[in-house]
Amino acid sequence: MEPFRVHILGCGSALPTLRHNASSQVVEVREKLFMVDCSEGTQMQLRRSRLRFTKLGHVFISHLHGDHCFGLIGLISTFGLLGRTATLHVYAPAELGPMLQSQLDLFCTHLSYSVEFHPIDTEHQQVIYEDRSLTVETLPLQHRLPCCGFLFREKPTLPHIRRDMMDFYNIPTSQIANIKNGADWITPDGTTVANDRLVSPPDPTRSYAYCSDTAYIPTLHQRLKGVTTLYHESTYGTDNQERAIKYNHSTAAQAATVARDAGVSQLILGHYSSRYEDENVLLNEARAIFPNSVLSQENAVFDVT
């Protein structure tokens, strides 16, 4: 199967610590790179990841709290210093547009590439990016200001050719595309070989949902049905549930409840409060509800399965 991975660049929350960078990650899908949130210091984390800067074409900003977007202008500036020529597409709440343009006018007057801004509607789920193999949708969330998550979905692929059957019936390679698209094969003596004998099922589609920051939304799981891997903020444990309610964040138990009710395969926890010296307390809380929960850490890489 083609690569579909999540590279964690930062998984802390607003208050900087020596253990965690603030929120940012890169979603790798079939050799394309998509950044989700861009906190302060993201460009250094991107260097540590050894991902190729030139493959990063799209940045998605969930909301306009600094721990999710303060690193954007630095990243843009660095790309300019590296001689980038390809357009960088930025998707974010509309309010960022004028501010970003002001920063570009002040700090990046001689960029060798274009920055194209795409305002997003955080209140409705809709496709904001699409190519031949992938769609990206917004996921409305509930926070202290307009905020949305992002849902990356693979498009279905064609079935696999059975080479043994191709060889057995001496089918020329020129017919592979037709057979993948459903054609039968007729032998020289007029026998029809059914298509399902010539192919094996396509790879199952995978999907990844990024949900940060948000209060617990009891109905969110309905939007996540069919998602294979979920990243859901787990800023607090139940020991700080009142604080979670006050600041529109979620506990690890609530994140696990969403994962369980959505039927996802894997839950990645993140956006940890600096109050926790050891996030295993959050992990244990989540695993009591959804066993296949894992902690995100800087430089960790997760396969979307």
C-alpha atoms as a PDB file:
ATOM      1  CA  MET A   1       0.000   0.000   0.000  1.00  0.00           C
ATOM      2  CA  GLU A   2       1.070   3.567  -0.629  1.00  0.00           C
ATOM      3  CA  PRO A   3       2.336   5.476   2.447  1.00  0.00           C
ATOM      4  CA  PHE A   4      -0.259   7.186   4.627  1.00  0.00           C
ATOM      5  CA  ARG A   5       1.454   8.461   7.752  1.00  0.00           C
ATOM      6  CA  VAL A   6       1.208  11.144  10.413  1.00  0.00           C
ATOM      7  CA  HIS A   7       4.424  12.828  11.548  1.00  0.00           C
ATOM      8  CA  ILE A   8       4.090  14.563  14.928  1.00  0.00           C
ATOM      9  CA  LEU A   9       6.032  17.825  15.107  1.00  0.00           C
ATOM     10  CA  GLY A  10       4.422  19.123  18.296  1.00  0.00           C
ATOM     11  CA  CYS A  11       1.795  17.801  20.696  1.00  0.00           C
ATOM     12  CA  GLY A  12       1.763  20.261  23.611  1.00  0.00           C
ATOM     13  CA  SER A  13      -0.780  22.965  24.367  1.00  0.00           C
ATOM     14  CA  ALA A  14      -0.463  26.732  24.720  1.00  0.00           C
ATOM     15  CA  LEU A  15       2.080  27.091  27.525  1.00  0.00           C
ATOM     16  CA  PRO A  16       5.560  26.261  26.182  1.00  0.00           C
ATOM     17  CA  THR A  17       7.511  23.554  27.999  1.00  0.00           C
ATOM     18  CA  LEU A  18      10.926  21.960  27.572  1.00  0.00           C
ATOM     19  CA  ARG A  19       9.273  18.609  26.837  1.00  0.00           C
ATOM     20  CA  HIS A  20       6.797  19.461  24.095  1.00  0.00           C
ATOM     21  CA  ASN A  21       6.414  21.763  21.137  1.00  0.00           C
ATOM     22  CA  ALA A  22       2.978  23.199  20.504  1.00  0.00           C
ATOM     23  CA  SER A  23       0.618  21.739  17.914  1.00  0.00           C
ATOM     24  CA  SER A  24       1.817  20.822  14.463  1.00  0.00           C
ATOM     25  CA  GLN A  25       1.965  17.684  12.380  1.00  0.00           C
ATOM     26  CA  VAL A  26       2.497  16.577   8.810  1.00  0.00           C
ATOM     27  CA  VAL A  27       0.197  14.145   7.043  1.00  0.00           C
ATOM     28  CA  GLU A  28       2.027  12.146   4.365  1.00  0.00           C
ATOM     29  CA  VAL A  29      -0.186  10.654   1.675  1.00  0.00           C
ATOM     30  CA  ARG A  30       1.307   9.022  -1.414  1.00  0.00           C
ATOM     31  CA  GLU A  31       4.451  11.165  -1.357  1.00  0.00           C
ATOM     32  CA  LYS A  32       2.544  14.424  -0.811  1.00  0.00           C
ATOM     33  CA  LEU A  33       2.926  16.327   2.458  1.00  0.00           C
ATOM     34  CA  PHE A  34       0.168  18.322   4.164  1.00  0.00           C
ATOM     35  CA  MET A  35       0.847  20.348   7.323  1.00  0.00           C
ATOM     36  CA  VAL A  36      -1.854  20.606   9.969  1.00  0.00           C
ATOM     37  CA  ASP A  37      -1.363  23.593  12.292  1.00  0.00           C
ATOM     38  CA  CYS A  38       1.932  25.443  12.497  1.00  0.00           C
ATOM     39  CA  SER A  39       2.960  26.483  15.971  1.00  0.00           C
ATOM     40  CA  GLU A  40       6.034  28.464  16.946  1.00  0.00           C
ATOM     41  CA  GLY A  41       9.164  26.434  16.226  1.00  0.00           C
ATOM     42  CA  THR A  42       7.531  24.208  13.623  1.00  0.00           C
ATOM     43  CA  GLN A  43      10.179  24.884  11.009  1.00  0.00           C
ATOM     44  CA  MET A  44      12.873  23.508  13.335  1.00  0.00           C
ATOM     45  CA  GLN A  45      10.780  20.423  14.013  1.00  0.00           C
ATOM     46  CA  LEU A  46      10.258  19.990  10.299  1.00  0.00           C
ATOM     47  CA  ARG A  47      14.027  19.945   9.829  1.00  0.00           C
ATOM     48  CA  ARG A  48      14.388  17.313  12.541  1.00  0.00           C
ATOM     49  CA  SER A  49      11.784  15.159  10.816  1.00  0.00           C
ATOM     50  CA  ARG A  50      13.911  15.021   7.661  1.00  0.00           C
ATOM     51  CA  LEU A  51      10.807  15.392   5.542  1.00  0.00           C
ATOM     52  CA  ARG A  52      11.448  17.129   2.246  1.00  0.00           C
ATOM     53  CA  PHE A  53      10.326  20.759   2.374  1.00  0.00           C
ATOM     54  CA  THR A  54       9.678  20.761  -1.359  1.00  0.00           C
ATOM     55  CA  LYS A  55       6.897  18.153  -1.003  1.00  0.00           C
ATOM     56  CA  LEU A  56       4.917  20.329   1.406  1.00  0.00           C
ATOM     57  CA  GLY A  57       2.356  22.230  -0.637  1.00  0.00           C
ATOM     58  CA  HIS A  58      -0.582  22.816   1.718  1.00  0.00           C
ATOM     59  CA  VAL A  59      -0.931  24.109   5.289  1.00  0.00           C
ATOM     60  CA  PHE A  60      -4.207  23.758   7.203  1.00  0.00           C
ATOM     61  CA  ILE A  61      -4.767  25.979  10.263  1.00  0.00           C
ATOM     62  CA  SER A  62      -7.522  24.826  12.619  1.00  0.00           C
ATOM     63  CA  HIS A  63      -8.015  28.108  14.478  1.00  0.00           C
ATOM     64  CA  LEU A  64      -6.293  31.345  15.402  1.00  0.00           C
ATOM     65  CA  HIS A  65      -4.831  30.587  18.802  1.00  0.00           C
ATOM     66  CA  GLY A  66      -1.101  31.248  18.718  1.00  0.00           C
ATOM     67  CA  ASP A  67      -0.092  27.712  19.645  1.00  0.00           C
ATOM     68  CA  HIS A  68      -1.556  26.619  16.313  1.00  0.00           C
ATOM     69  CA  CYS A  69      -0.360  29.354  13.938  1.00  0.00           C
ATOM     70  CA  PHE A  70       2.512  31.467  15.328  1.00  0.00           C
ATOM     71  CA  GLY A  71       5.037  29.496  13.285  1.00  0.00           C
ATOM     72  CA  LEU A  72       3.455  30.112   9.893  1.00  0.00           C
ATOM     73  CA  ILE A  73       5.255  33.314   8.867  1.00  0.00           C
ATOM     74  CA  GLY A  74       8.595  31.845   9.951  1.00  0.00           C
ATOM     75  CA  LEU A  75       7.969  28.761   7.861  1.00  0.00           C
ATOM     76  CA  ILE A  76       7.024  30.874   4.845  1.00  0.00           C
ATOM     77  CA  SER A  77      10.153  33.002   5.254  1.00  0.00           C
ATOM     78  CA  THR A  78      12.393  29.940   5.526  1.00  0.00           C
ATOM     79  CA  PHE A  79      10.906  28.436   2.387  1.00  0.00           C
ATOM     80  CA  GLY A  80      11.821  31.675   0.614  1.00  0.00           C
ATOM     81  CA  LEU A  81      15.418  31.492   1.852  1.00  0.00           C
ATOM     82  CA  LEU A  82      15.616  27.948   0.518  1.00  0.00           C
ATOM     83  CA  GLY A  83      14.619  29.132  -2.959  1.00  0.00           C
ATOM     84  CA  ARG A  84      11.156  27.626  -3.109  1.00  0.00           C
ATOM     85  CA  THR A  85       9.296  28.273  -6.370  1.00  0.00           C
ATOM     86  CA  ALA A  86       6.082  26.233  -5.976  1.00  0.00           C
ATOM     87  CA  THR A  87       2.958  27.958  -4.644  1.00  0.00           C
ATOM     88  CA  LEU A  88       2.188  27.333  -0.959  1.00  0.00           C
ATOM     89  CA  HIS A  89      -1.536  27.017  -0.208  1.00  0.00           C
ATOM     90  CA  VAL A  90      -2.754  28.103   3.243  1.00  0.00           C
ATOM     91  CA  TYR A  91      -6.237  27.110   4.457  1.00  0.00           C
ATOM     92  CA  ALA A  92      -7.449  28.905   7.578  1.00  0.00           C
ATOM     93  CA  PRO A  93     -10.310  30.914   9.094  1.00  0.00           C
ATOM     94  CA  ALA A  94     -10.896  34.066   7.051  1.00  0.00           C
ATOM     95  CA  GLU A  95      -9.647  36.382   9.811  1.00  0.00           C
ATOM     96  CA  LEU A  96      -6.085  35.183   9.240  1.00  0.00           C
ATOM     97  CA  GLY A  97      -6.019  36.437   5.642  1.00  0.00           C
ATOM     98  CA  PRO A  98      -5.430  40.171   6.275  1.00  0.00           C
ATOM     99  CA  MET A  99      -2.996  39.469   9.117  1.00  0.00           C
ATOM    100  CA  LEU A 100      -0.997  37.046   7.009  1.00  0.00           C
ATOM    101  CA  GLN A 101      -0.865  39.519   4.135  1.00  0.00           C
ATOM    102  CA  SER A 102       0.430  42.230   6.486  1.00  0.00           C
ATOM    103  CA  GLN A 103       3.199  39.920   7.682  1.00  0.00           C
ATOM    104  CA  LEU A 104       4.079  38.994   4.118  1.00  0.00           C
ATOM    105  CA  ASP A 105       4.255  42.661   3.160  1.00  0.00           C
ATOM    106  CA  LEU A 106       6.507  43.423   6.131  1.00  0.00           C
ATOM    107  CA  PHE A 107       8.783  40.395   6.340  1.00  0.00           C
ATOM    108  CA  CYS A 108       8.617  38.591   2.983  1.00  0.00           C
ATOM    109  CA  THR A 109       8.745  41.236   0.267  1.00  0.00           C
ATOM    110  CA  HIS A 110      10.995  39.241  -2.068  1.00  0.00           C
ATOM    111  CA  LEU A 111       9.602  35.727  -1.935  1.00  0.00           C
ATOM    112  CA  SER A 112      10.481  33.539  -4.896  1.00  0.00           C
ATOM    113  CA  TYR A 113       7.077  31.835  -4.737  1.00  0.00           C
ATOM    114  CA  SER A 114       3.406  32.662  -4.177  1.00  0.00           C
ATOM    115  CA  VAL A 115       1.370  32.157  -1.014  1.00  0.00           C
ATOM    116  CA  GLU A 116      -2.286  31.512  -1.842  1.00  0.00           C
ATOM    117  CA  PHE A 117      -4.736  31.964   1.013  1.00  0.00           C
ATOM    118  CA  HIS A 118      -7.979  29.944   1.141  1.00  0.00           C
ATOM    119  CA  PRO A 119     -10.539  31.072   3.761  1.00  0.00           C
ATOM    120  CA  ILE A 120     -12.439  28.186   5.320  1.00  0.00           C
ATOM    121  CA  ASP A 121     -15.851  27.969   6.915  1.00  0.00           C
ATOM    122  CA  THR A 122     -15.399  26.400  10.349  1.00  0.00           C
ATOM    123  CA  GLU A 123     -19.132  25.891  10.880  1.00  0.00           C
ATOM    124  CA  HIS A 124     -19.852  23.447   8.047  1.00  0.00           C
ATOM    125  CA  GLN A 125     -18.290  20.172   7.015  1.00  0.00           C
ATOM    126  CA  GLN A 126     -17.151  20.489   3.430  1.00  0.00           C
ATOM    127  CA  VAL A 127     -14.375  19.431   1.074  1.00  0.00           C
ATOM    128  CA  ILE A 128     -11.694  22.122   0.850  1.00  0.00           C
ATOM    129  CA  TYR A 129      -9.031  20.181  -1.058  1.00  0.00           C
ATOM    130  CA  GLU A 130      -9.179  17.395  -3.618  1.00  0.00           C
ATOM    131  CA  ASP A 131      -6.806  15.612  -5.941  1.00  0.00           C
ATOM    132  CA  ARG A 132      -6.873  12.275  -7.762  1.00  0.00           C
ATOM    133  CA  SER A 133      -6.236  10.233  -4.628  1.00  0.00           C
ATOM    134  CA  LEU A 134      -7.412  12.320  -1.658  1.00  0.00           C
ATOM    135  CA  THR A 135      -9.987  14.695  -0.250  1.00  0.00           C
ATOM    136  CA  VAL A 136      -9.635  16.958   2.794  1.00  0.00           C
ATOM    137  CA  GLU A 137     -12.775  18.071   4.638  1.00  0.00           C
ATOM    138  CA  THR A 138     -13.361  20.477   7.481  1.00  0.00           C
ATOM    139  CA  LEU A 139     -14.790  19.125  10.749  1.00  0.00           C
ATOM    140  CA  PRO A 140     -16.666  21.758  12.808  1.00  0.00           C
ATOM    141  CA  LEU A 141     -15.456  21.781  16.421  1.00  0.00           C
ATOM    142  CA  GLN A 142     -16.464  23.620  19.588  1.00  0.00           C
ATOM    143  CA  HIS A 143     -13.833  25.936  21.028  1.00  0.00           C
ATOM    144  CA  ARG A 144     -13.528  29.466  22.387  1.00  0.00           C
ATOM    145  CA  LEU A 145     -13.305  30.912  18.883  1.00  0.00           C
ATOM    146  CA  PRO A 146     -14.060  29.532  15.395  1.00  0.00           C
ATOM    147  CA  CYS A 147     -12.296  26.206  15.035  1.00  0.00           C
ATOM    148  CA  CYS A 148     -12.410  23.124  12.863  1.00  0.00           C
ATOM    149  CA  GLY A 149     -10.594  19.856  12.473  1.00  0.00           C
ATOM    150  CA  PHE A 150      -9.605  18.213   9.212  1.00  0.00           C
ATOM    151  CA  LEU A 151     -10.520  14.855   7.723  1.00  0.00           C
ATOM    152  CA  PHE A 152      -8.181  13.268   5.186  1.00  0.00           C
ATOM    153  CA  ARG A 153      -9.839  10.548   3.097  1.00  0.00           C
ATOM    154  CA  GLU A 154      -8.249   8.332   0.479  1.00  0.00           C
ATOM    155  CA  LYS A 155     -10.263   7.802  -2.650  1.00  0.00           C
ATOM    156  CA  PRO A 156     -10.987   4.188  -3.609  1.00  0.00           C
ATOM    157  CA  THR A 157      -8.364   2.605  -5.812  1.00  0.00           C
ATOM    158  CA  LEU A 158      -8.777   0.134  -8.660  1.00  0.00           C
ATOM    159  CA  PRO A 159      -8.445  -3.628  -8.048  1.00  0.00           C
ATOM    160  CA  HIS A 160      -5.107  -5.396  -8.366  1.00  0.00           C
ATOM    161  CA  ILE A 161      -4.238  -7.373 -11.453  1.00  0.00           C
ATOM    162  CA  ARG A 162      -3.621 -11.080 -10.865  1.00  0.00           C
ATOM    163  CA  ARG A 163      -0.368 -11.670 -12.689  1.00  0.00           C
ATOM    164  CA  ASP A 164      -0.788 -15.438 -12.565  1.00  0.00           C
ATOM    165  CA  MET A 165      -4.053 -15.192 -14.493  1.00  0.00           C
ATOM    166  CA  MET A 166      -2.615 -12.690 -16.957  1.00  0.00           C
ATOM    167  CA  ASP A 167       0.186 -15.135 -17.714  1.00  0.00           C
ATOM    168  CA  PHE A 168      -2.134 -18.149 -17.825  1.00  0.00           C
ATOM    169  CA  TYR A 169      -4.380 -16.559 -20.463  1.00  0.00           C
ATOM    170  CA  ASN A 170      -1.519 -14.727 -22.248  1.00  0.00           C
ATOM    171  CA  ILE A 171      -3.287 -11.406 -21.800  1.00  0.00           C
ATOM    172  CA  PRO A 172      -1.184  -8.522 -23.186  1.00  0.00           C
ATOM    173  CA  THR A 173      -0.142  -5.750 -20.820  1.00  0.00           C
ATOM    174  CA  SER A 174      -1.998  -3.278 -23.023  1.00  0.00           C
ATOM    175  CA  GLN A 175      -5.246  -4.662 -21.558  1.00  0.00           C
ATOM    176  CA  ILE A 176      -4.347  -4.062 -17.900  1.00  0.00           C
ATOM    177  CA  ALA A 177      -6.136  -0.702 -17.691  1.00  0.00           C
ATOM    178  CA  ASN A 178      -9.307  -2.123 -19.237  1.00  0.00           C
ATOM    179  CA  ILE A 179      -9.345  -5.108 -16.889  1.00  0.00           C
ATOM    180  CA  LYS A 180      -8.726  -2.912 -13.830  1.00  0.00           C
ATOM    181  CA  ASN A 181     -11.762  -0.912 -14.905  1.00  0.00           C
ATOM    182  CA  GLY A 182     -13.977  -3.999 -15.054  1.00  0.00           C
ATOM    183  CA  ALA A 183     -13.542  -5.552 -18.495  1.00  0.00           C
ATOM    184  CA  ASP A 184     -13.716  -9.311 -19.006  1.00  0.00           C
ATOM    185  CA  TRP A 185     -11.245 -11.107 -21.269  1.00  0.00           C
ATOM    186  CA  ILE A 186     -12.231 -13.119 -24.327  1.00  0.00           C
ATOM    187  CA  THR A 187      -9.776 -15.833 -25.311  1.00  0.00           C
ATOM    188  CA  PRO A 188      -8.894 -16.586 -28.945  1.00  0.00           C
ATOM    189  CA  ASP A 189     -11.351 -19.525 -28.908  1.00  0.00           C
ATOM    190  CA  GLY A 190     -14.184 -17.221 -27.771  1.00  0.00           C
ATOM    191  CA  THR A 191     -14.288 -18.177 -24.074  1.00  0.00           C
ATOM    192  CA  THR A 192     -15.148 -15.288 -21.749  1.00  0.00           C
ATOM    193  CA  VAL A 193     -13.012 -15.050 -18.623  1.00  0.00           C
ATOM    194  CA  ALA A 194     -14.930 -13.106 -15.966  1.00  0.00           C
ATOM    195  CA  ASN A 195     -13.255 -10.006 -14.610  1.00  0.00           C
ATOM    196  CA  ASP A 196     -13.359 -11.200 -11.002  1.00  0.00           C
ATOM    197  CA  ARG A 197     -11.017 -14.063 -11.955  1.00  0.00           C
ATOM    198  CA  LEU A 198      -8.457 -11.603 -13.289  1.00  0.00           C
ATOM    199  CA  VAL A 199      -8.263  -9.193 -10.369  1.00  0.00           C
ATOM    200  CA  SER A 200      -8.035  -9.205  -6.580  1.00  0.00           C
ATOM    201  CA  PRO A 201      -9.830  -6.656  -4.392  1.00  0.00           C
ATOM    202  CA  PRO A 202      -8.372  -3.136  -4.109  1.00  0.00           C
ATOM    203  CA  ASP A 203      -6.646  -1.978  -0.957  1.00  0.00           C
ATOM    204  CA  PRO A 204      -9.133  -0.749   1.667  1.00  0.00           C
ATOM    205  CA  THR A 205      -9.396   3.029   1.851  1.00  0.00           C
ATOM    206  CA  ARG A 206      -7.876   4.760   4.861  1.00  0.00           C
ATOM    207  CA  SER A 207      -8.777   8.025   6.545  1.00  0.00           C
ATOM    208  CA  TYR A 208      -7.369  10.296   9.217  1.00  0.00           C
ATOM    209  CA  ALA A 209      -9.226  12.834  11.343  1.00  0.00           C
ATOM    210  CA  TYR A 210      -7.494  15.630  13.251  1.00  0.00           C
ATOM    211  CA  CYS A 211      -9.608  17.086  16.063  1.00  0.00           C
ATOM    212  CA  SER A 212      -7.972  19.822  18.091  1.00  0.00           C
ATOM    213  CA  ASP A 213      -8.975  21.985  19.952  1.00  0.00           C
ATOM    214  CA  THR A 214     -12.484  21.184  21.074  1.00  0.00           C
ATOM    215  CA  ALA A 215     -14.817  20.650  23.943  1.00  0.00           C
ATOM    216  CA  TYR A 216     -16.349  17.200  24.082  1.00  0.00           C
ATOM    217  CA  ILE A 217     -19.021  16.952  21.378  1.00  0.00           C
ATOM    218  CA  PRO A 218     -21.383  14.008  22.047  1.00  0.00           C
ATOM    219  CA  THR A 219     -22.381  13.849  18.365  1.00  0.00           C
ATOM    220  CA  LEU A 220     -18.900  14.181  16.861  1.00  0.00           C
ATOM    221  CA  HIS A 221     -18.562  10.421  16.433  1.00  0.00           C
ATOM    222  CA  GLN A 222     -21.337  10.518  13.851  1.00  0.00           C
ATOM    223  CA  ARG A 223     -19.113  12.606  11.562  1.00  0.00           C
ATOM    224  CA  LEU A 224     -16.225  10.215  12.111  1.00  0.00           C
ATOM    225  CA  LYS A 225     -17.891   6.943  11.125  1.00  0.00           C
ATOM    226  CA  GLY A 226     -15.551   5.022   8.852  1.00  0.00           C
ATOM    227  CA  VAL A 227     -12.439   6.926   9.967  1.00  0.00           C
ATOM    228  CA  THR A 228      -9.522   4.566  10.559  1.00  0.00           C
ATOM    229  CA  THR A 229      -7.176   6.757  12.655  1.00  0.00           C
ATOM    230  CA  LEU A 230      -8.247   9.639  14.906  1.00  0.00           C
ATOM    231  CA  TYR A 231      -6.156  12.328  16.564  1.00  0.00           C
ATOM    232  CA  HIS A 232      -8.248  13.910  19.301  1.00  0.00           C
ATOM    233  CA  GLU A 233      -7.051  16.469  21.783  1.00  0.00           C
ATOM    234  CA  SER A 234      -6.708  15.221  25.353  1.00  0.00           C
ATOM    235  CA  THR A 235      -5.581  18.366  27.102  1.00  0.00           C
ATOM    236  CA  TYR A 236      -6.697  17.194  30.537  1.00  0.00           C
ATOM    237  CA  GLY A 237      -7.585  14.133  32.551  1.00  0.00           C
ATOM    238  CA  THR A 238     -10.817  13.785  34.477  1.00  0.00           C
ATOM    239  CA  ASP A 239      -8.970  15.277  37.461  1.00  0.00           C
ATOM    240  CA  ASN A 240      -9.226  18.603  35.612  1.00  0.00           C
ATOM    241  CA  GLN A 241     -12.640  18.170  34.009  1.00  0.00           C
ATOM    242  CA  GLU A 242     -13.924  21.529  35.289  1.00  0.00           C
ATOM    243  CA  ARG A 243     -10.942  23.242  33.662  1.00  0.00           C
ATOM    244  CA  ALA A 244     -11.655  21.365  30.435  1.00  0.00           C
ATOM    245  CA  ILE A 245     -15.235  22.651  30.481  1.00  0.00           C
ATOM    246  CA  LYS A 246     -14.112  26.207  31.277  1.00  0.00           C
ATOM    247  CA  TYR A 247     -11.630  26.382  28.397  1.00  0.00           C
ATOM    248  CA  ASN A 248     -13.531  24.260  25.866  1.00  0.00           C
ATOM    249  CA  HIS A 249     -11.105  21.371  25.839  1.00  0.00           C
ATOM    250  CA  SER A 250     -11.516  17.617  26.194  1.00  0.00           C
ATOM    251  CA  THR A 251     -10.311  15.027  28.659  1.00  0.00           C
ATOM    252  CA  ALA A 252      -8.561  11.836  27.632  1.00  0.00           C
ATOM    253  CA  ALA A 253     -11.659   9.870  28.639  1.00  0.00           C
ATOM    254  CA  GLN A 254     -13.828  12.027  26.387  1.00  0.00           C
ATOM    255  CA  ALA A 255     -11.431  11.595  23.471  1.00  0.00           C
ATOM    256  CA  ALA A 256     -11.575   7.840  23.992  1.00  0.00           C
ATOM    257  CA  THR A 257     -15.366   7.942  24.116  1.00  0.00           C
ATOM    258  CA  VAL A 258     -15.445   9.656  20.721  1.00  0.00           C
ATOM    259  CA  ALA A 259     -13.039   7.048  19.314  1.00  0.00           C
ATOM    260  CA  ARG A 260     -15.071   4.157  20.712  1.00  0.00           C
ATOM    261  CA  ASP A 261     -18.403   5.505  19.494  1.00  0.00           C
ATOM    262  CA  ALA A 262     -16.993   6.295  16.035  1.00  0.00           C
ATOM    263  CA  GLY A 263     -15.542   2.798  15.683  1.00  0.00           C
ATOM    264  CA  VAL A 264     -12.078   3.992  14.651  1.00  0.00           C
ATOM    265  CA  SER A 265      -9.127   1.616  14.602  1.00  0.00           C
ATOM    266  CA  GLN A 266      -6.622   3.809  16.441  1.00  0.00           C
ATOM    267  CA  LEU A 267      -6.744   6.878  18.704  1.00  0.00           C
ATOM    268  CA  ILE A 268      -3.780   9.248  18.984  1.00  0.00           C
ATOM    269  CA  LEU A 269      -3.829  11.538  22.018  1.00  0.00           C
ATOM    270  CA  GLY A 270      -2.249  14.983  22.101  1.00  0.00           C
ATOM    271  CA  HIS A 271      -2.374  18.691  23.013  1.00  0.00           C
ATOM    272  CA  TYR A 272      -1.293  17.944  26.558  1.00  0.00           C
ATOM    273  CA  SER A 273      -1.612  20.505  29.315  1.00  0.00           C
ATOM    274  CA  SER A 274       1.708  21.526  30.845  1.00  0.00           C
ATOM    275  CA  ARG A 275       0.236  20.474  34.188  1.00  0.00           C
ATOM    276  CA  TYR A 276       1.132  16.858  33.423  1.00  0.00           C
ATOM    277  CA  GLU A 277       4.715  15.755  33.989  1.00  0.00           C
ATOM    278  CA  ASP A 278       3.807  12.266  32.797  1.00  0.00           C
ATOM    279  CA  GLU A 279       1.120  11.839  30.134  1.00  0.00           C
ATOM    280  CA  ASN A 280       0.709   8.156  30.956  1.00  0.00           C
ATOM    281  CA  VAL A 281      -2.053   9.193  33.335  1.00  0.00           C
ATOM    282  CA  LEU A 282      -3.947  10.399  30.250  1.00  0.00           C
ATOM    283  CA  LEU A 283      -3.088   7.268  28.307  1.00  0.00           C
ATOM    284  CA  ASN A 284      -4.328   4.976  31.062  1.00  0.00           C
ATOM    285  CA  GLU A 285      -7.557   6.956  31.313  1.00  0.00           C
ATOM    286  CA  ALA A 286      -8.140   6.647  27.576  1.00  0.00           C
ATOM    287  CA  ARG A 287      -7.255   2.953  27.383  1.00  0.00           C
ATOM    288  CA  ALA A 288      -9.821   2.125  30.036  1.00  0.00           C
ATOM    289  CA  ILE A 289     -12.443   3.152  27.455  1.00  0.00           C
ATOM    290  CA  PHE A 290     -10.673   2.603  24.135  1.00  0.00           C
ATOM    291  CA  PRO A 291      -7.768   0.143  24.416  1.00  0.00           C
ATOM    292  CA  ASN A 292      -6.046   1.035  21.136  1.00  0.00           C
ATOM    293  CA  SER A 293      -5.063   4.514  22.328  1.00  0.00           C
ATOM    294  CA  VAL A 294      -1.509   5.834  21.990  1.00  0.00           C
ATOM    295  CA  LEU A 295       0.348   8.957  23.080  1.00  0.00           C
ATOM    296  CA  SER A 296       1.710  11.315  20.450  1.00  0.00           C
ATOM    297  CA  GLN A 297       5.282  12.483  20.969  1.00  0.00           C
ATOM    298  CA  GLU A 298       7.525  14.802  18.990  1.00  0.00           C
ATOM    299  CA  ASN A 299       9.134  13.005  16.035  1.00  0.00           C
ATOM    300  CA  ALA A 300       6.778  10.032  16.366  1.00  0.00           C
ATOM    301  CA  VAL A 301       5.381   8.632  13.127  1.00  0.00           C
ATOM    302  CA  PHE A 302       2.069   6.785  12.962  1.00  0.00           C
ATOM    303  CA  ASP A 303       0.800   4.695  10.073  1.00  0.00           C
ATOM    304  CA  VAL A 304      -2.840   5.363   9.237  1.00  0.00           C
ATOM    305  CA  THR A 305      -4.417   1.916   9.174  1.00  0.00           C
END
